[in-house]
């Protein structure tokens, strides 16, 4: 029969797990911040494209489809930027 591990070993193991989880949380926050930054940059460029496409969408069915696609992309970007969490 083996002896039970000492409380110090359990505490040390728990501290290692907590440290690992903190490192994972920091990595997730960093990735989330990068995603948000990329979404903001894409949105800035997309707004100009939408403004140009809006005028053309009134005269061409193909341009209207392109305009709708751009609007859907903008909605996805805004959803990414508005979701909770991350480093702020």
C-alpha atoms as a PDB file:
ATOM      1  CA  UNK A   1       0.000   0.000   0.000  1.00  0.00           C
ATOM      2  CA  UNK A   2       1.349   3.446  -0.901  1.00  0.00           C
ATOM      3  CA  UNK A   3       1.371   6.352   1.459  1.00  0.00           C
ATOM      4  CA  UNK A   4      -0.919   9.272   0.736  1.00  0.00           C
ATOM      5  CA  UNK A   5       0.737  12.304  -0.853  1.00  0.00           C
ATOM      6  CA  UNK A   6       1.464  15.104   1.524  1.00  0.00           C
ATOM      7  CA  UNK A   7      -0.721  18.224   1.472  1.00  0.00           C
ATOM      8  CA  UNK A   8       2.318  20.203   0.282  1.00  0.00           C
ATOM      9  CA  UNK A   9       2.511  18.108  -2.882  1.00  0.00           C
ATOM     10  CA  UNK A  10      -1.189  18.663  -3.565  1.00  0.00           C
ATOM     11  CA  UNK A  11      -0.814  22.392  -3.013  1.00  0.00           C
ATOM     12  CA  UNK A  12       2.222  22.554  -5.303  1.00  0.00           C
ATOM     13  CA  UNK A  13       0.383  20.612  -8.014  1.00  0.00           C
ATOM     14  CA  UNK A  14      -2.639  22.883  -7.702  1.00  0.00           C
ATOM     15  CA  UNK A  15      -0.420  25.964  -7.971  1.00  0.00           C
ATOM     16  CA  UNK A  16       1.191  24.584 -11.141  1.00  0.00           C
ATOM     17  CA  UNK A  17      -2.254  23.971 -12.658  1.00  0.00           C
ATOM     18  CA  UNK A  18      -3.404  27.479 -11.732  1.00  0.00           C
ATOM     19  CA  UNK A  19      -0.257  28.987 -13.243  1.00  0.00           C
ATOM     20  CA  UNK A  20      -0.832  26.983 -16.423  1.00  0.00           C
ATOM     21  CA  UNK A  21      -4.456  28.163 -16.619  1.00  0.00           C
ATOM     22  CA  UNK A  22      -3.373  31.766 -16.094  1.00  0.00           C
ATOM     23  CA  UNK A  23      -0.897  31.428 -18.956  1.00  0.00           C
ATOM     24  CA  UNK A  24      -3.629  30.009 -21.193  1.00  0.00           C
ATOM     25  CA  UNK A  25      -5.970  32.864 -20.249  1.00  0.00           C
ATOM     26  CA  UNK A  26      -3.273  35.412 -21.104  1.00  0.00           C
ATOM     27  CA  UNK A  27      -2.681  33.739 -24.475  1.00  0.00           C
ATOM     28  CA  UNK A  28      -6.425  33.800 -25.188  1.00  0.00           C
ATOM     29  CA  UNK A  29      -6.607  37.493 -24.268  1.00  0.00           C
ATOM     30  CA  UNK A  30      -3.703  38.251 -26.608  1.00  0.00           C
ATOM     31  CA  UNK A  31      -5.287  36.316 -29.466  1.00  0.00           C
ATOM     32  CA  UNK A  32      -8.636  37.997 -28.850  1.00  0.00           C
ATOM     33  CA  UNK A  33      -7.006  41.439 -28.942  1.00  0.00           C
ATOM     34  CA  UNK A  34      -5.298  40.585 -32.236  1.00  0.00           C
ATOM     35  CA  UNK A  35      -8.589  39.395 -33.731  1.00  0.00           C
ATOM     36  CA  UNK A  36     -10.359  42.573 -32.612  1.00  0.00           C
ATOM     37  CA  UNK A  37      -7.564  44.763 -34.030  1.00  0.00           C
ATOM     38  CA  UNK A  38      -7.727  42.950 -37.364  1.00  0.00           C
ATOM     39  CA  UNK A  39     -11.525  43.312 -37.403  1.00  0.00           C
ATOM     40  CA  UNK A  40     -11.240  47.047 -36.734  1.00  0.00           C
ATOM     41  CA  UNK A  41      -8.732  47.507 -39.563  1.00  0.00           C
ATOM     42  CA  UNK A  42     -10.832  45.486 -41.989  1.00  0.00           C
ATOM     43  CA  UNK A  43     -13.949  47.417 -40.991  1.00  0.00           C
ATOM     44  CA  UNK A  44     -12.239  50.738 -41.714  1.00  0.00           C
ATOM     45  CA  UNK A  45     -11.312  49.573 -45.213  1.00  0.00           C
ATOM     46  CA  UNK A  46     -14.711  47.989 -45.736  1.00  0.00           C
ATOM     47  CA  UNK A  47     -16.607  51.197 -44.956  1.00  0.00           C
ATOM     48  CA  UNK A  48     -14.996  52.925 -47.948  1.00  0.00           C
ATOM     49  CA  UNK A  49     -15.828  49.979 -50.188  1.00  0.00           C
ATOM     50  CA  UNK A  50     -19.426  49.967 -48.963  1.00  0.00           C
ATOM     51  CA  UNK A  51     -19.798  53.675 -49.681  1.00  0.00           C
ATOM     52  CA  UNK A  52     -18.651  53.148 -53.267  1.00  0.00           C
ATOM     53  CA  UNK A  53     -20.744  50.019 -53.754  1.00  0.00           C
ATOM     54  CA  UNK A  54     -23.882  51.713 -52.387  1.00  0.00           C
ATOM     55  CA  UNK A  55     -24.070  54.055 -55.372  1.00  0.00           C
ATOM     56  CA  UNK A  56     -23.519  51.266 -57.890  1.00  0.00           C
ATOM     57  CA  UNK A  57     -26.013  48.935 -56.175  1.00  0.00           C
ATOM     58  CA  UNK A  58     -28.882  51.150 -57.329  1.00  0.00           C
ATOM     59  CA  UNK A  59     -28.174  50.513 -61.004  1.00  0.00           C
ATOM     60  CA  UNK A  60     -26.813  46.976 -61.257  1.00  0.00           C
ATOM     61  CA  UNK A  61     -28.114  43.663 -59.885  1.00  0.00           C
ATOM     62  CA  UNK A  62     -24.564  42.321 -59.659  1.00  0.00           C
ATOM     63  CA  UNK A  63     -23.439  45.404 -57.755  1.00  0.00           C
ATOM     64  CA  UNK A  64     -26.452  45.028 -55.469  1.00  0.00           C
ATOM     65  CA  UNK A  65     -25.353  41.460 -54.644  1.00  0.00           C
ATOM     66  CA  UNK A  66     -21.834  42.687 -53.950  1.00  0.00           C
ATOM     67  CA  UNK A  67     -23.238  45.426 -51.726  1.00  0.00           C
ATOM     68  CA  UNK A  68     -25.269  42.885 -49.732  1.00  0.00           C
ATOM     69  CA  UNK A  69     -22.182  40.690 -49.314  1.00  0.00           C
ATOM     70  CA  UNK A  70     -20.235  43.654 -47.984  1.00  0.00           C
ATOM     71  CA  UNK A  71     -23.024  44.505 -45.547  1.00  0.00           C
ATOM     72  CA  UNK A  72     -23.022  40.903 -44.244  1.00  0.00           C
ATOM     73  CA  UNK A  73     -19.255  41.052 -43.798  1.00  0.00           C
ATOM     74  CA  UNK A  74     -19.600  44.310 -41.872  1.00  0.00           C
ATOM     75  CA  UNK A  75     -22.184  42.685 -39.602  1.00  0.00           C
ATOM     76  CA  UNK A  76     -19.798  39.789 -38.878  1.00  0.00           C
ATOM     77  CA  UNK A  77     -16.966  42.205 -38.087  1.00  0.00           C
ATOM     78  CA  UNK A  78     -19.164  44.230 -35.753  1.00  0.00           C
ATOM     79  CA  UNK A  79     -20.248  41.047 -33.987  1.00  0.00           C
ATOM     80  CA  UNK A  80     -16.599  40.097 -33.451  1.00  0.00           C
ATOM     81  CA  UNK A  81     -15.790  43.515 -32.057  1.00  0.00           C
ATOM     82  CA  UNK A  82     -18.810  43.549 -29.731  1.00  0.00           C
ATOM     83  CA  UNK A  83     -18.439  40.118 -28.180  1.00  0.00           C
ATOM     84  CA  UNK A  84     -17.496  40.118 -24.513  1.00  0.00           C
ATOM     85  CA  UNK A  85     -14.136  39.127 -23.134  1.00  0.00           C
ATOM     86  CA  UNK A  86     -10.592  39.746 -24.095  1.00  0.00           C
ATOM     87  CA  UNK A  87      -8.054  42.230 -22.922  1.00  0.00           C
ATOM     88  CA  UNK A  88      -9.501  45.703 -22.880  1.00  0.00           C
END
